[in-house]
């Protein structure tokens, strides 16, 4: 049982180390890119909705 736990801890440590080393930015991360996207959205005029013809 002890060897299984050691292997599990070693596996988990390697996964956590790899996750820390990853430098890829995810779209949902908050930061300058997100602020820029929000400011562009607020600056854009609201789209006009089509109205149904009165009949």
Foldseek 3Di string as FASTA:
>chain_A
DVVVVVVVVVVVVVVVVVVVVDPDDDPPDDDDVVVVVVVVVVPDDDDDDDDDDDD
